[in-house]
Amino acid sequence: MYLDALSFLEDERDGFRAYEALPDLSDEQLDRPVEAAGGWSGRDLMGHIVLWQEAALAAAKELALGADSPSMAQTEAAWAAGGDQINEAGLARFRAMPIDAVRAAFRSTAGELRGYLTVVPEIRWIKDAAHQEYFISETLEHYDDHMRELRAILDAAR
């Protein structure tokens, strides 16, 4: 549980830092499936991380303007109804994109999310337990959840 936005934003930035090696891999390295990463490629992992950062970003944009986030509620309902479908659709989307577009989205989305969170009043996300948990789950916990895949992809690229 965070008591202030700055602490969360510093931890989120630190948690994401390890992933920043991904866009520096070659196109071939990013598109190579890695068995130790569950068959995911670097492109897949980048897209998957961005997918959920985008969900958090949509919520942050709404919370910057008001106390509620319809997109957060929709995302949570869709996840409860079948999260694997969301992930599969996200993988398909990022696999269809040019690799430079995937890199660009990966390089910009986390920073854009951090930027929006700095203008969301703390009462709407840090001081709201449910909203705070949402942002933690879409960033910090999500980054931790995929460290195994990240390590495997980076190891395979060496």
C-alpha atoms as a PDB file:
ATOM      1  CA  MET A   1       0.000   0.000   0.000  1.00  0.00           C
ATOM      2  CA  TYR A   2       1.403   3.337  -1.068  1.00  0.00           C
ATOM      3  CA  LEU A   3       0.837   6.519   0.887  1.00  0.00           C
ATOM      4  CA  ASP A   4       2.054   8.920  -1.788  1.00  0.00           C
ATOM      5  CA  ALA A   5       2.243   9.026  -5.565  1.00  0.00           C
ATOM      6  CA  LEU A   6       5.974   9.695  -5.752  1.00  0.00           C
ATOM      7  CA  SER A   7       6.827   6.431  -3.976  1.00  0.00           C
ATOM      8  CA  PHE A   8       4.648   4.461  -6.377  1.00  0.00           C
ATOM      9  CA  LEU A   9       6.054   6.240  -9.445  1.00  0.00           C
ATOM     10  CA  GLU A  10       9.645   5.600  -8.324  1.00  0.00           C
ATOM     11  CA  ASP A  11       8.922   1.905  -7.744  1.00  0.00           C
ATOM     12  CA  GLU A  12       7.109   1.610 -11.080  1.00  0.00           C
ATOM     13  CA  ARG A  13      10.049   3.231 -12.864  1.00  0.00           C
ATOM     14  CA  ASP A  14      12.498   0.896 -11.125  1.00  0.00           C
ATOM     15  CA  GLY A  15      10.327  -2.139 -11.898  1.00  0.00           C
ATOM     16  CA  PHE A  16      10.136  -1.296 -15.590  1.00  0.00           C
ATOM     17  CA  ARG A  17      13.845  -0.550 -15.983  1.00  0.00           C
ATOM     18  CA  ALA A  18      14.853  -4.188 -16.646  1.00  0.00           C
ATOM     19  CA  TYR A  19      12.426  -4.331 -19.582  1.00  0.00           C
ATOM     20  CA  GLU A  20      14.093  -1.377 -21.285  1.00  0.00           C
ATOM     21  CA  ALA A  21      16.707  -3.728 -22.780  1.00  0.00           C
ATOM     22  CA  LEU A  22      14.082  -5.295 -25.052  1.00  0.00           C
ATOM     23  CA  PRO A  23      13.777  -2.633 -27.762  1.00  0.00           C
ATOM     24  CA  ASP A  24      17.556  -2.694 -28.235  1.00  0.00           C
ATOM     25  CA  LEU A  25      17.437  -6.285 -29.474  1.00  0.00           C
ATOM     26  CA  SER A  26      17.616  -6.841 -33.225  1.00  0.00           C
ATOM     27  CA  ASP A  27      14.452  -7.436 -35.229  1.00  0.00           C
ATOM     28  CA  GLU A  28      15.374 -11.109 -35.553  1.00  0.00           C
ATOM     29  CA  GLN A  29      15.987 -11.460 -31.818  1.00  0.00           C
ATOM     30  CA  LEU A  30      12.663  -9.801 -31.027  1.00  0.00           C
ATOM     31  CA  ASP A  31      10.730 -12.077 -33.367  1.00  0.00           C
ATOM     32  CA  ARG A  32      12.343 -15.361 -32.280  1.00  0.00           C
ATOM     33  CA  PRO A  33      10.074 -17.443 -30.006  1.00  0.00           C
ATOM     34  CA  VAL A  34      11.889 -18.557 -26.864  1.00  0.00           C
ATOM     35  CA  GLU A  35      10.883 -21.899 -25.406  1.00  0.00           C
ATOM     36  CA  ALA A  36      11.981 -20.903 -21.893  1.00  0.00           C
ATOM     37  CA  ALA A  37       9.654 -17.883 -22.181  1.00  0.00           C
ATOM     38  CA  GLY A  38       6.618 -20.054 -22.822  1.00  0.00           C
ATOM     39  CA  GLY A  39       7.133 -19.708 -26.562  1.00  0.00           C
ATOM     40  CA  TRP A  40       6.879 -15.928 -26.445  1.00  0.00           C
ATOM     41  CA  SER A  41       9.196 -13.710 -28.431  1.00  0.00           C
ATOM     42  CA  GLY A  42      10.545 -10.364 -27.276  1.00  0.00           C
ATOM     43  CA  ARG A  43       7.901  -8.727 -29.473  1.00  0.00           C
ATOM     44  CA  ASP A  44       5.222 -10.740 -27.671  1.00  0.00           C
ATOM     45  CA  LEU A  45       6.482  -9.709 -24.251  1.00  0.00           C
ATOM     46  CA  MET A  46       6.783  -6.064 -25.250  1.00  0.00           C
ATOM     47  CA  GLY A  47       3.262  -6.080 -26.666  1.00  0.00           C
ATOM     48  CA  HIS A  48       1.846  -7.842 -23.630  1.00  0.00           C
ATOM     49  CA  ILE A  49       3.394  -5.324 -21.246  1.00  0.00           C
ATOM     50  CA  VAL A  50       2.201  -2.400 -23.374  1.00  0.00           C
ATOM     51  CA  LEU A  51      -1.307  -3.855 -23.581  1.00  0.00           C
ATOM     52  CA  TRP A  52      -1.752  -3.634 -19.826  1.00  0.00           C
ATOM     53  CA  GLN A  53       0.076  -0.310 -19.541  1.00  0.00           C
ATOM     54  CA  GLU A  54      -2.423   1.009 -22.088  1.00  0.00           C
ATOM     55  CA  ALA A  55      -5.280  -0.196 -19.895  1.00  0.00           C
ATOM     56  CA  ALA A  56      -3.752   1.640 -16.935  1.00  0.00           C
ATOM     57  CA  LEU A  57      -3.155   4.718 -19.105  1.00  0.00           C
ATOM     58  CA  ALA A  58      -6.801   4.818 -20.193  1.00  0.00           C
ATOM     59  CA  ALA A  59      -7.843   4.665 -16.539  1.00  0.00           C
ATOM     60  CA  ALA A  60      -5.355   7.384 -15.565  1.00  0.00           C
ATOM     61  CA  LYS A  61      -6.695   9.685 -18.292  1.00  0.00           C
ATOM     62  CA  GLU A  62     -10.222   9.229 -16.979  1.00  0.00           C
ATOM     63  CA  LEU A  63      -9.186   9.700 -13.351  1.00  0.00           C
ATOM     64  CA  ALA A  64      -7.376  12.902 -14.279  1.00  0.00           C
ATOM     65  CA  LEU A  65     -10.795  14.289 -15.241  1.00  0.00           C
ATOM     66  CA  GLY A  66     -13.108  12.674 -12.711  1.00  0.00           C
ATOM     67  CA  ALA A  67     -13.518  10.319  -9.791  1.00  0.00           C
ATOM     68  CA  ASP A  68     -14.468   7.262 -11.842  1.00  0.00           C
ATOM     69  CA  SER A  69     -12.869   5.253 -14.605  1.00  0.00           C
ATOM     70  CA  PRO A  70     -15.315   3.454 -16.895  1.00  0.00           C
ATOM     71  CA  SER A  71     -12.436   1.830 -18.779  1.00  0.00           C
ATOM     72  CA  MET A  72     -11.050   0.383 -15.532  1.00  0.00           C
ATOM     73  CA  ALA A  73     -14.429  -1.180 -14.773  1.00  0.00           C
ATOM     74  CA  GLN A  74     -14.702  -2.496 -18.343  1.00  0.00           C
ATOM     75  CA  THR A  75     -11.198  -3.963 -18.249  1.00  0.00           C
ATOM     76  CA  GLU A  76     -11.810  -5.696 -14.935  1.00  0.00           C
ATOM     77  CA  ALA A  77     -15.136  -7.089 -16.166  1.00  0.00           C
ATOM     78  CA  ALA A  78     -13.562  -8.312 -19.409  1.00  0.00           C
ATOM     79  CA  TRP A  79     -10.710  -9.926 -17.465  1.00  0.00           C
ATOM     80  CA  ALA A  80     -13.161 -11.690 -15.163  1.00  0.00           C
ATOM     81  CA  ALA A  81     -15.080 -12.941 -18.206  1.00  0.00           C
ATOM     82  CA  GLY A  82     -12.002 -14.400 -19.893  1.00  0.00           C
ATOM     83  CA  GLY A  83      -8.644 -12.723 -19.541  1.00  0.00           C
ATOM     84  CA  ASP A  84      -6.898 -15.104 -21.887  1.00  0.00           C
ATOM     85  CA  GLN A  85      -8.988 -13.733 -24.751  1.00  0.00           C
ATOM     86  CA  ILE A  86      -7.719 -10.220 -23.988  1.00  0.00           C
ATOM     87  CA  ASN A  87      -4.141 -11.450 -23.943  1.00  0.00           C
ATOM     88  CA  GLU A  88      -4.537 -13.411 -27.177  1.00  0.00           C
ATOM     89  CA  ALA A  89      -6.089 -10.430 -28.951  1.00  0.00           C
ATOM     90  CA  GLY A  90      -3.249  -8.252 -27.680  1.00  0.00           C
ATOM     91  CA  LEU A  91      -0.620 -10.706 -28.919  1.00  0.00           C
ATOM     92  CA  ALA A  92      -2.273 -10.828 -32.327  1.00  0.00           C
ATOM     93  CA  ARG A  93      -2.371  -7.027 -32.493  1.00  0.00           C
ATOM     94  CA  PHE A  94       1.314  -6.603 -31.691  1.00  0.00           C
ATOM     95  CA  ARG A  95       2.378  -9.491 -33.939  1.00  0.00           C
ATOM     96  CA  ALA A  96       0.640  -7.750 -36.843  1.00  0.00           C
ATOM     97  CA  MET A  97       2.347  -4.407 -36.222  1.00  0.00           C
ATOM     98  CA  PRO A  98       5.652  -3.409 -37.806  1.00  0.00           C
ATOM     99  CA  ILE A  99       8.422  -4.021 -35.270  1.00  0.00           C
ATOM    100  CA  ASP A 100       9.361  -0.335 -35.212  1.00  0.00           C
ATOM    101  CA  ALA A 101       5.794   0.513 -34.186  1.00  0.00           C
ATOM    102  CA  VAL A 102       6.002  -2.046 -31.379  1.00  0.00           C
ATOM    103  CA  ARG A 103       9.281  -0.489 -30.236  1.00  0.00           C
ATOM    104  CA  ALA A 104       7.764   2.999 -30.346  1.00  0.00           C
ATOM    105  CA  ALA A 105       4.726   1.971 -28.316  1.00  0.00           C
ATOM    106  CA  PHE A 106       6.957   0.184 -25.829  1.00  0.00           C
ATOM    107  CA  ARG A 107       9.247   3.176 -25.437  1.00  0.00           C
ATOM    108  CA  SER A 108       6.444   5.708 -24.986  1.00  0.00           C
ATOM    109  CA  THR A 109       3.564   4.071 -23.110  1.00  0.00           C
ATOM    110  CA  ALA A 110       5.187   3.664 -19.696  1.00  0.00           C
ATOM    111  CA  GLY A 111       6.364   7.282 -19.677  1.00  0.00           C
ATOM    112  CA  GLU A 112       2.980   8.521 -20.818  1.00  0.00           C
ATOM    113  CA  LEU A 113       1.328   6.535 -18.040  1.00  0.00           C
ATOM    114  CA  ARG A 114       3.719   8.005 -15.454  1.00  0.00           C
ATOM    115  CA  GLY A 115       3.015  11.469 -16.816  1.00  0.00           C
ATOM    116  CA  TYR A 116      -0.731  11.100 -16.501  1.00  0.00           C
ATOM    117  CA  LEU A 117      -0.460   9.658 -13.018  1.00  0.00           C
ATOM    118  CA  THR A 118       1.372  12.793 -11.909  1.00  0.00           C
ATOM    119  CA  VAL A 119      -1.708  14.872 -12.725  1.00  0.00           C
ATOM    120  CA  VAL A 120      -4.307  12.507 -11.281  1.00  0.00           C
ATOM    121  CA  PRO A 121      -5.200  13.784  -7.824  1.00  0.00           C
ATOM    122  CA  GLU A 122      -3.865  11.335  -5.238  1.00  0.00           C
ATOM    123  CA  ILE A 123      -7.328  11.058  -3.714  1.00  0.00           C
ATOM    124  CA  ARG A 124      -8.450   9.336  -6.948  1.00  0.00           C
ATOM    125  CA  TRP A 125      -5.749   6.673  -7.103  1.00  0.00           C
ATOM    126  CA  ILE A 126      -3.278   6.546  -4.211  1.00  0.00           C
ATOM    127  CA  LYS A 127      -5.881   7.228  -1.532  1.00  0.00           C
ATOM    128  CA  ASP A 128      -8.463   4.978  -3.230  1.00  0.00           C
ATOM    129  CA  ALA A 129      -7.506   1.399  -2.346  1.00  0.00           C
ATOM    130  CA  ALA A 130      -9.249  -0.219  -5.323  1.00  0.00           C
ATOM    131  CA  HIS A 131      -7.770   2.212  -7.825  1.00  0.00           C
ATOM    132  CA  GLN A 132      -4.316   1.915  -6.299  1.00  0.00           C
ATOM    133  CA  GLU A 133      -4.515  -1.872  -6.496  1.00  0.00           C
ATOM    134  CA  TYR A 134      -5.505  -1.619 -10.157  1.00  0.00           C
ATOM    135  CA  PHE A 135      -2.415   0.436 -11.020  1.00  0.00           C
ATOM    136  CA  ILE A 136      -0.180  -1.835  -8.952  1.00  0.00           C
ATOM    137  CA  SER A 137      -1.547  -4.934 -10.691  1.00  0.00           C
ATOM    138  CA  GLU A 138      -1.157  -3.466 -14.200  1.00  0.00           C
ATOM    139  CA  THR A 139       2.411  -2.315 -13.584  1.00  0.00           C
ATOM    140  CA  LEU A 140       4.505  -3.455 -10.616  1.00  0.00           C
ATOM    141  CA  GLU A 141       2.923  -6.868 -10.146  1.00  0.00           C
ATOM    142  CA  HIS A 142       2.712  -7.406 -13.888  1.00  0.00           C
ATOM    143  CA  TYR A 143       6.393  -6.622 -14.349  1.00  0.00           C
ATOM    144  CA  ASP A 144       7.249  -9.084 -11.572  1.00  0.00           C
ATOM    145  CA  ASP A 145       4.971 -11.713 -13.113  1.00  0.00           C
ATOM    146  CA  HIS A 146       6.929 -11.681 -16.383  1.00  0.00           C
ATOM    147  CA  MET A 147      10.524 -11.453 -15.150  1.00  0.00           C
ATOM    148  CA  ARG A 148      11.059 -15.129 -16.025  1.00  0.00           C
ATOM    149  CA  GLU A 149      10.079 -14.489 -19.632  1.00  0.00           C
ATOM    150  CA  LEU A 150      12.196 -11.339 -19.775  1.00  0.00           C
ATOM    151  CA  ARG A 151      15.282 -13.144 -18.483  1.00  0.00           C
ATOM    152  CA  ALA A 152      14.767 -16.030 -20.910  1.00  0.00           C
ATOM    153  CA  ILE A 153      14.370 -13.708 -23.895  1.00  0.00           C
ATOM    154  CA  LEU A 154      17.422 -11.649 -22.974  1.00  0.00           C
ATOM    155  CA  ASP A 155      19.469 -14.802 -22.319  1.00  0.00           C
ATOM    156  CA  ALA A 156      18.463 -16.231 -25.703  1.00  0.00           C
ATOM    157  CA  ALA A 157      19.599 -13.017 -27.388  1.00  0.00           C
ATOM    158  CA  ARG A 158      23.131 -13.323 -25.994  1.00  0.00           C
END
